[in-house]
PDB file of N, CA and C in Angstrom:
ATOM      1  N   MET A   1      92.494 202.902  45.063  1.00  0.00           N
ATOM      2  CA  MET A   1      93.251 201.941  44.272  1.00  0.00           C
ATOM      3  C   MET A   1      93.422 202.490  42.863  1.00  0.00           C
ATOM      4  N   THR A   2      94.590 202.330  42.324  1.00  0.00           N
ATOM      5  CA  THR A   2      94.854 202.797  40.974  1.00  0.00           C
ATOM      6  C   THR A   2      94.913 201.618  40.014  1.00  0.00           C
ATOM      7  N   PHE A   3      94.674 201.901  38.762  1.00  0.00           N
ATOM      8  CA  PHE A   3      94.686 200.868  37.733  1.00  0.00           C
ATOM      9  C   PHE A   3      96.116 200.434  37.456  1.00  0.00           C
ATOM     10  N   ASP A   4      96.316 199.122  37.389  1.00  0.00           N
ATOM     11  CA  ASP A   4      97.626 198.560  37.079  1.00  0.00           C
ATOM     12  C   ASP A   4      97.405 197.274  36.292  1.00  0.00           C
ATOM     13  N   GLU A   5      97.907 197.229  35.076  1.00  0.00           N
ATOM     14  CA  GLU A   5      97.690 196.056  34.217  1.00  0.00           C
ATOM     15  C   GLU A   5      98.313 194.791  34.786  1.00  0.00           C
ATOM     16  N   THR A   6      99.262 194.914  35.687  1.00  0.00           N
ATOM     17  CA  THR A   6      99.899 193.728  36.271  1.00  0.00           C
ATOM     18  C   THR A   6      98.988 193.032  37.283  1.00  0.00           C
ATOM     19  N   ASP A   7      97.859 193.635  37.619  1.00  0.00           N
ATOM     20  CA  ASP A   7      96.889 192.991  38.513  1.00  0.00           C
ATOM     21  C   ASP A   7      96.174 191.835  37.834  1.00  0.00           C
ATOM     22  N   PHE A   8      96.239 191.774  36.512  1.00  0.00           N
ATOM     23  CA  PHE A   8      95.529 190.760  35.744  1.00  0.00           C
ATOM     24  C   PHE A   8      96.435 189.565  35.480  1.00  0.00           C
ATOM     25  N   ALA A   9      95.949 188.374  35.819  1.00  0.00           N
ATOM     26  CA  ALA A   9      96.736 187.152  35.651  1.00  0.00           C
ATOM     27  C   ALA A   9      96.632 186.574  34.241  1.00  0.00           C
ATOM     28  N   LYS A  10      95.515 186.812  33.579  1.00  0.00           N
ATOM     29  CA  LYS A  10      95.301 186.307  32.225  1.00  0.00           C
ATOM     30  C   LYS A  10      95.131 187.481  31.273  1.00  0.00           C
ATOM     31  N   ARG A  11      95.275 187.183  30.011  1.00  0.00           N
ATOM     32  CA  ARG A  11      95.092 188.208  28.985  1.00  0.00           C
ATOM     33  C   ARG A  11      93.615 188.609  28.920  1.00  0.00           C
ATOM     34  N   VAL A  12      93.387 189.909  28.872  1.00  0.00           N
ATOM     35  CA  VAL A  12      92.034 190.462  28.839  1.00  0.00           C
ATOM     36  C   VAL A  12      91.950 191.386  27.628  1.00  0.00           C
ATOM     37  N   PRO A  13      90.822 191.359  26.899  1.00  0.00           N
ATOM     38  CA  PRO A  13      90.676 192.237  25.728  1.00  0.00           C
ATOM     39  C   PRO A  13      90.873 193.720  26.086  1.00  0.00           C
ATOM     40  N   LYS A  14      91.429 194.464  25.137  1.00  0.00           N
ATOM     41  CA  LYS A  14      91.768 195.870  25.356  1.00  0.00           C
ATOM     42  C   LYS A  14      90.549 196.710  25.726  1.00  0.00           C
ATOM     43  N   LYS A  15      89.401 196.472  25.095  1.00  0.00           N
ATOM     44  CA  LYS A  15      88.197 197.247  25.414  1.00  0.00           C
ATOM     45  C   LYS A  15      87.822 197.100  26.889  1.00  0.00           C
ATOM     46  N   ILE A  16      87.964 195.893  27.402  1.00  0.00           N
ATOM     47  CA  ILE A  16      87.628 195.632  28.805  1.00  0.00           C
ATOM     48  C   ILE A  16      88.634 196.318  29.717  1.00  0.00           C
ATOM     49  N   LEU A  17      89.914 196.252  29.366  1.00  0.00           N
ATOM     50  CA  LEU A  17      90.939 196.935  30.160  1.00  0.00           C
ATOM     51  C   LEU A  17      90.707 198.446  30.167  1.00  0.00           C
ATOM     52  N   ASP A  18      90.387 198.994  29.001  1.00  0.00           N
ATOM     53  CA  ASP A  18      90.177 200.440  28.901  1.00  0.00           C
ATOM     54  C   ASP A  18      88.984 200.892  29.737  1.00  0.00           C
ATOM     55  N   LEU A  19      87.886 200.151  29.674  1.00  0.00           N
ATOM     56  CA  LEU A  19      86.714 200.527  30.461  1.00  0.00           C
ATOM     57  C   LEU A  19      86.974 200.334  31.949  1.00  0.00           C
ATOM     58  N   THR A  20      87.715 199.300  32.310  1.00  0.00           N
ATOM     59  CA  THR A  20      88.077 199.090  33.710  1.00  0.00           C
ATOM     60  C   THR A  20      88.888 200.282  34.217  1.00  0.00           C
ATOM     61  N   LYS A  21      89.844 200.699  33.416  1.00  0.00           N
ATOM     62  CA  LYS A  21      90.684 201.847  33.792  1.00  0.00           C
ATOM     63  C   LYS A  21      89.842 203.110  33.925  1.00  0.00           C
ATOM     64  N   GLU A  22      88.949 203.347  32.965  1.00  0.00           N
ATOM     65  CA  GLU A  22      88.081 204.527  33.019  1.00  0.00           C
ATOM     66  C   GLU A  22      87.199 204.508  34.268  1.00  0.00           C
ATOM     67  N   ASN A  23      86.602 203.361  34.550  1.00  0.00           N
ATOM     68  CA  ASN A  23      85.744 203.249  35.731  1.00  0.00           C
ATOM     69  C   ASN A  23      86.510 203.543  37.012  1.00  0.00           C
ATOM     70  N   MET A  24      87.746 203.089  37.071  1.00  0.00           N
ATOM     71  CA  MET A  24      88.543 203.293  38.283  1.00  0.00           C
ATOM     72  C   MET A  24      88.999 204.742  38.418  1.00  0.00           C
ATOM     73  N   GLU A  25      89.418 205.344  37.313  1.00  0.00           N
ATOM     74  CA  GLU A  25      89.983 206.684  37.380  1.00  0.00           C
ATOM     75  C   GLU A  25      88.934 207.789  37.361  1.00  0.00           C
ATOM     76  N   VAL A  26      87.892 207.619  36.575  1.00  0.00           N
ATOM     77  CA  VAL A  26      86.883 208.668  36.451  1.00  0.00           C
ATOM     78  C   VAL A  26      85.800 208.539  37.514  1.00  0.00           C
ATOM     79  N   TYR A  27      85.344 207.318  37.742  1.00  0.00           N
ATOM     80  CA  TYR A  27      84.203 207.108  38.641  1.00  0.00           C
ATOM     81  C   TYR A  27      84.610 206.586  40.028  1.00  0.00           C
ATOM     82  N   ASN A  28      85.915 206.446  40.261  1.00  0.00           N
ATOM     83  CA  ASN A  28      86.445 206.010  41.566  1.00  0.00           C
ATOM     84  C   ASN A  28      85.875 204.677  42.035  1.00  0.00           C
ATOM     85  N   MET A  29      85.678 203.768  41.097  1.00  0.00           N
ATOM     86  CA  MET A  29      85.214 202.425  41.436  1.00  0.00           C
ATOM     87  C   MET A  29      86.424 201.561  41.773  1.00  0.00           C
ATOM     88  N   GLY A  30      86.208 200.508  42.535  1.00  0.00           N
ATOM     89  CA  GLY A  30      87.268 199.565  42.847  1.00  0.00           C
ATOM     90  C   GLY A  30      87.557 198.664  41.660  1.00  0.00           C
ATOM     91  N   LEU A  31      88.639 197.917  41.740  1.00  0.00           N
ATOM     92  CA  LEU A  31      89.036 197.030  40.643  1.00  0.00           C
ATOM     93  C   LEU A  31      87.964 195.987  40.345  1.00  0.00           C
ATOM     94  N   TYR A  32      87.438 195.354  41.367  1.00  0.00           N
ATOM     95  CA  TYR A  32      86.435 194.303  41.158  1.00  0.00           C
ATOM     96  C   TYR A  32      85.193 194.849  40.444  1.00  0.00           C
ATOM     97  N   ASP A  33      84.631 195.924  40.965  1.00  0.00           N
ATOM     98  CA  ASP A  33      83.413 196.494  40.368  1.00  0.00           C
ATOM     99  C   ASP A  33      83.665 197.030  38.966  1.00  0.00           C
ATOM    100  N   SER A  34      84.810 197.656  38.770  1.00  0.00           N
ATOM    101  CA  SER A  34      85.161 198.195  37.448  1.00  0.00           C
ATOM    102  C   SER A  34      85.298 197.082  36.417  1.00  0.00           C
ATOM    103  N   PHE A  35      86.005 196.025  36.806  1.00  0.00           N
ATOM    104  CA  PHE A  35      86.214 194.900  35.892  1.00  0.00           C
ATOM    105  C   PHE A  35      84.897 194.184  35.608  1.00  0.00           C
ATOM    106  N   LYS A  36      84.095 193.983  36.630  1.00  0.00           N
ATOM    107  CA  LYS A  36      82.808 193.306  36.460  1.00  0.00           C
ATOM    108  C   LYS A  36      81.914 194.070  35.481  1.00  0.00           C
ATOM    109  N   GLU A  37      81.873 195.377  35.617  1.00  0.00           N
ATOM    110  CA  GLU A  37      81.064 196.216  34.720  1.00  0.00           C
ATOM    111  C   GLU A  37      81.602 196.149  33.290  1.00  0.00           C
ATOM    112  N   ALA A  38      82.902 196.194  33.125  1.00  0.00           N
ATOM    113  CA  ALA A  38      83.507 196.149  31.788  1.00  0.00           C
ATOM    114  C   ALA A  38      83.265 194.793  31.121  1.00  0.00           C
ATOM    115  N   VAL A  39      83.387 193.728  31.888  1.00  0.00           N
ATOM    116  CA  VAL A  39      83.148 192.385  31.339  1.00  0.00           C
ATOM    117  C   VAL A  39      81.684 192.246  30.938  1.00  0.00           C
ATOM    118  N   ARG A  40      80.780 192.729  31.757  1.00  0.00           N
ATOM    119  CA  ARG A  40      79.351 192.682  31.436  1.00  0.00           C
ATOM    120  C   ARG A  40      79.067 193.421  30.140  1.00  0.00           C
ATOM    121  N   GLU A  41      79.741 194.536  29.960  1.00  0.00           N
ATOM    122  CA  GLU A  41      79.514 195.383  28.794  1.00  0.00           C
ATOM    123  C   GLU A  41      80.090 194.793  27.503  1.00  0.00           C
ATOM    124  N   PHE A  42      81.288 194.212  27.560  1.00  0.00           N
ATOM    125  CA  PHE A  42      81.992 193.852  26.331  1.00  0.00           C
ATOM    126  C   PHE A  42      82.222 192.369  26.061  1.00  0.00           C
ATOM    127  N   SER A  43      82.057 191.494  27.032  1.00  0.00           N
ATOM    128  CA  SER A  43      82.352 190.081  26.755  1.00  0.00           C
ATOM    129  C   SER A  43      81.239 189.451  25.924  1.00  0.00           C
ATOM    130  N   LYS A  44      81.626 188.502  25.105  1.00  0.00           N
ATOM    131  CA  LYS A  44      80.664 187.822  24.238  1.00  0.00           C
ATOM    132  C   LYS A  44      80.063 186.640  24.985  1.00  0.00           C
ATOM    133  N   THR A  45      78.786 186.441  24.811  1.00  0.00           N
ATOM    134  CA  THR A  45      78.065 185.362  25.476  1.00  0.00           C
ATOM    135  C   THR A  45      78.711 184.013  25.179  1.00  0.00           C
ATOM    136  N   GLY A  46      78.913 183.237  26.248  1.00  0.00           N
ATOM    137  CA  GLY A  46      79.466 181.899  26.103  1.00  0.00           C
ATOM    138  C   GLY A  46      80.972 181.813  26.243  1.00  0.00           C
ATOM    139  N   THR A  47      81.674 182.943  26.206  1.00  0.00           N
ATOM    140  CA  THR A  47      83.128 182.911  26.361  1.00  0.00           C
ATOM    141  C   THR A  47      83.486 182.648  27.819  1.00  0.00           C
ATOM    142  N   LYS A  48      84.733 182.291  28.053  1.00  0.00           N
ATOM    143  CA  LYS A  48      85.184 182.003  29.416  1.00  0.00           C
ATOM    144  C   LYS A  48      85.061 183.247  30.311  1.00  0.00           C
ATOM    145  N   LEU A  49      85.360 184.389  29.747  1.00  0.00           N
ATOM    146  CA  LEU A  49      85.248 185.634  30.508  1.00  0.00           C
ATOM    147  C   LEU A  49      83.788 185.935  30.850  1.00  0.00           C
ATOM    148  N   TRP A  50      82.894 185.683  29.922  1.00  0.00           N
ATOM    149  CA  TRP A  50      81.468 185.877  30.182  1.00  0.00           C
ATOM    150  C   TRP A  50      80.993 184.920  31.273  1.00  0.00           C
ATOM    151  N   LYS A  51      81.469 183.676  31.232  1.00  0.00           N
ATOM    152  CA  LYS A  51      81.098 182.706  32.270  1.00  0.00           C
ATOM    153  C   LYS A  51      81.617 183.131  33.636  1.00  0.00           C
ATOM    154  N   ALA A  52      82.810 183.704  33.670  1.00  0.00           N
ATOM    155  CA  ALA A  52      83.352 184.212  34.933  1.00  0.00           C
ATOM    156  C   ALA A  52      82.445 185.319  35.472  1.00  0.00           C
ATOM    157  N   TRP A  53      81.946 186.179  34.585  1.00  0.00           N
ATOM    158  CA  TRP A  53      81.007 187.235  34.992  1.00  0.00           C
ATOM    159  C   TRP A  53      79.689 186.610  35.462  1.00  0.00           C
ATOM    160  N   TYR A  54      79.181 185.666  34.715  1.00  0.00           N
ATOM    161  CA  TYR A  54      77.898 185.032  35.034  1.00  0.00           C
ATOM    162  C   TYR A  54      77.929 184.372  36.413  1.00  0.00           C
ATOM    163  N   TYR A  55      79.023 183.671  36.717  1.00  0.00           N
ATOM    164  CA  TYR A  55      79.173 183.001  38.011  1.00  0.00           C
ATOM    165  C   TYR A  55      79.826 183.896  39.071  1.00  0.00           C
ATOM    166  N   ASP A  56      80.113 185.126  38.688  1.00  0.00           N
ATOM    167  CA  ASP A  56      80.679 186.117  39.610  1.00  0.00           C
ATOM    168  C   ASP A  56      81.954 185.586  40.279  1.00  0.00           C
ATOM    169  N   ASP A  57      82.850 185.061  39.458  1.00  0.00           N
ATOM    170  CA  ASP A  57      84.086 184.472  39.969  1.00  0.00           C
ATOM    171  C   ASP A  57      85.237 184.831  39.024  1.00  0.00           C
ATOM    172  N   PHE A  58      85.988 185.873  39.379  1.00  0.00           N
ATOM    173  CA  PHE A  58      87.076 186.358  38.536  1.00  0.00           C
ATOM    174  C   PHE A  58      88.450 185.947  39.050  1.00  0.00           C
ATOM    175  N   ARG A  59      88.522 184.875  39.834  1.00  0.00           N
ATOM    176  CA  ARG A  59      89.795 184.460  40.432  1.00  0.00           C
ATOM    177  C   ARG A  59      90.872 184.191  39.389  1.00  0.00           C
ATOM    178  N   GLU A  60      90.489 183.688  38.232  1.00  0.00           N
ATOM    179  CA  GLU A  60      91.467 183.407  37.170  1.00  0.00           C
ATOM    180  C   GLU A  60      92.034 184.679  36.554  1.00  0.00           C
ATOM    181  N   TYR A  61      91.283 185.746  36.592  1.00  0.00           N
ATOM    182  CA  TYR A  61      91.663 186.980  35.910  1.00  0.00           C
ATOM    183  C   TYR A  61      92.275 188.028  36.830  1.00  0.00           C
ATOM    184  N   ILE A  62      91.692 188.218  38.014  1.00  0.00           N
ATOM    185  CA  ILE A  62      92.219 189.208  38.960  1.00  0.00           C
ATOM    186  C   ILE A  62      92.358 188.585  40.357  1.00  0.00           C
ATOM    187  N   PRO A  63      93.331 187.697  40.506  1.00  0.00           N
ATOM    188  CA  PRO A  63      93.496 186.999  41.788  1.00  0.00           C
ATOM    189  C   PRO A  63      93.869 187.923  42.947  1.00  0.00           C
ATOM    190  N   CYS A  64      94.394 189.097  42.666  1.00  0.00           N
ATOM    191  CA  CYS A  64      94.856 189.998  43.724  1.00  0.00           C
ATOM    192  C   CYS A  64      93.716 190.512  44.614  1.00  0.00           C
ATOM    193  N   ILE A  65      92.464 190.391  44.177  1.00  0.00           N
ATOM    194  CA  ILE A  65      91.357 190.898  44.998  1.00  0.00           C
ATOM    195  C   ILE A  65      90.775 189.830  45.918  1.00  0.00           C
ATOM    196  N   TYR A  66      91.257 188.602  45.807  1.00  0.00           N
ATOM    197  CA  TYR A  66      90.737 187.494  46.613  1.00  0.00           C
ATOM    198  C   TYR A  66      91.717 187.114  47.717  1.00  0.00           C
ATOM    199  N   ASN A  67      91.205 186.554  48.786  1.00  0.00           N
ATOM    200  CA  ASN A  67      92.062 185.993  49.829  1.00  0.00           C
ATOM    201  C   ASN A  67      92.824 184.817  49.227  1.00  0.00           C
ATOM    202  N   SER A  68      94.081 184.678  49.581  1.00  0.00           N
ATOM    203  CA  SER A  68      94.935 183.657  48.968  1.00  0.00           C
ATOM    204  C   SER A  68      94.416 182.235  49.177  1.00  0.00           C
ATOM    205  N   GLU A  69      93.711 181.982  50.259  1.00  0.00           N
ATOM    206  CA  GLU A  69      93.196 180.635  50.497  1.00  0.00           C
ATOM    207  C   GLU A  69      92.196 180.203  49.429  1.00  0.00           C
ATOM    208  N   TYR A  70      91.477 181.149  48.829  1.00  0.00           N
ATOM    209  CA  TYR A  70      90.479 180.819  47.805  1.00  0.00           C
ATOM    210  C   TYR A  70      91.082 180.683  46.408  1.00  0.00           C
ATOM    211  N   LEU A  71      92.378 180.886  46.290  1.00  0.00           N
ATOM    212  CA  LEU A  71      93.035 180.722  45.000  1.00  0.00           C
ATOM    213  C   LEU A  71      93.494 179.284  44.766  1.00  0.00           C
ATOM    214  N   ASN A  72      93.192 178.414  45.701  1.00  0.00           N
ATOM    215  CA  ASN A  72      93.474 176.989  45.552  1.00  0.00           C
ATOM    216  C   ASN A  72      92.326 176.389  44.735  1.00  0.00           C
ATOM    217  N   PHE A  73      92.557 176.224  43.436  1.00  0.00           N
ATOM    218  CA  PHE A  73      91.487 175.783  42.533  1.00  0.00           C
ATOM    219  C   PHE A  73      91.120 174.312  42.711  1.00  0.00           C
ATOM    220  N   LYS A  74      91.973 173.544  43.376  1.00  0.00           N
ATOM    221  CA  LYS A  74      91.614 172.154  43.655  1.00  0.00           C
ATOM    222  C   LYS A  74      90.621 172.080  44.804  1.00  0.00           C
ATOM    223  N   LYS A  75      90.843 172.901  45.801  1.00  0.00           N
ATOM    224  CA  LYS A  75      89.943 172.923  46.955  1.00  0.00           C
ATOM    225  C   LYS A  75      88.674 173.715  46.648  1.00  0.00           C
ATOM    226  N   TYR A  76      88.825 174.813  45.913  1.00  0.00           N
ATOM    227  CA  TYR A  76      87.697 175.674  45.536  1.00  0.00           C
ATOM    228  C   TYR A  76      87.670 175.803  44.018  1.00  0.00           C
ATOM    229  N   PRO A  77      87.137 174.792  43.318  1.00  0.00           N
ATOM    230  CA  PRO A  77      87.160 174.824  41.844  1.00  0.00           C
ATOM    231  C   PRO A  77      86.278 175.934  41.276  1.00  0.00           C
ATOM    232  N   LEU A  78      86.615 176.343  40.078  1.00  0.00           N
ATOM    233  CA  LEU A  78      85.804 177.334  39.378  1.00  0.00           C
ATOM    234  C   LEU A  78      84.485 176.690  38.962  1.00  0.00           C
ATOM    235  N   LYS A  79      83.398 177.379  39.170  1.00  0.00           N
ATOM    236  CA  LYS A  79      82.073 176.825  38.850  1.00  0.00           C
ATOM    237  C   LYS A  79      81.898 176.642  37.346  1.00  0.00           C
ATOM    238  N   TYR A  80      82.578 177.433  36.575  1.00  0.00           N
ATOM    239  CA  TYR A  80      82.392 177.400  35.122  1.00  0.00           C
ATOM    240  C   TYR A  80      83.481 176.607  34.402  1.00  0.00           C
ATOM    241  N   LYS A  81      84.353 175.952  35.117  1.00  0.00           N
ATOM    242  CA  LYS A  81      85.498 175.270  34.508  1.00  0.00           C
ATOM    243  C   LYS A  81      85.082 174.222  33.465  1.00  0.00           C
ATOM    244  N   ASP A  82      84.108 173.403  33.755  1.00  0.00           N
ATOM    245  CA  ASP A  82      83.721 172.317  32.848  1.00  0.00           C
ATOM    246  C   ASP A  82      82.437 172.597  32.085  1.00  0.00           C
ATOM    247  N   LYS A  83      82.037 173.832  32.047  1.00  0.00           N
ATOM    248  CA  LYS A  83      80.748 174.158  31.377  1.00  0.00           C
ATOM    249  C   LYS A  83      80.962 174.866  30.089  1.00  0.00           C
TER     250      LYS A  83
END
């Protein structure tokens, strides 16, 4: 899989995008693992992106890696939505 910024549904900080790209191109990691590592490294505690990392649920940010049935947020709500 190659890095493509259009895979991201929401705006993501440049540092996270850059590290995701590096992880994918240099270390041959997949999009999910690359993004998870970058978010762990650069997101600030308490932010929505950090909560997505904490609950291991990036559906809002990279929906292309999930089965479409799980993108129904009414049926499968985000664990961190109201926290």
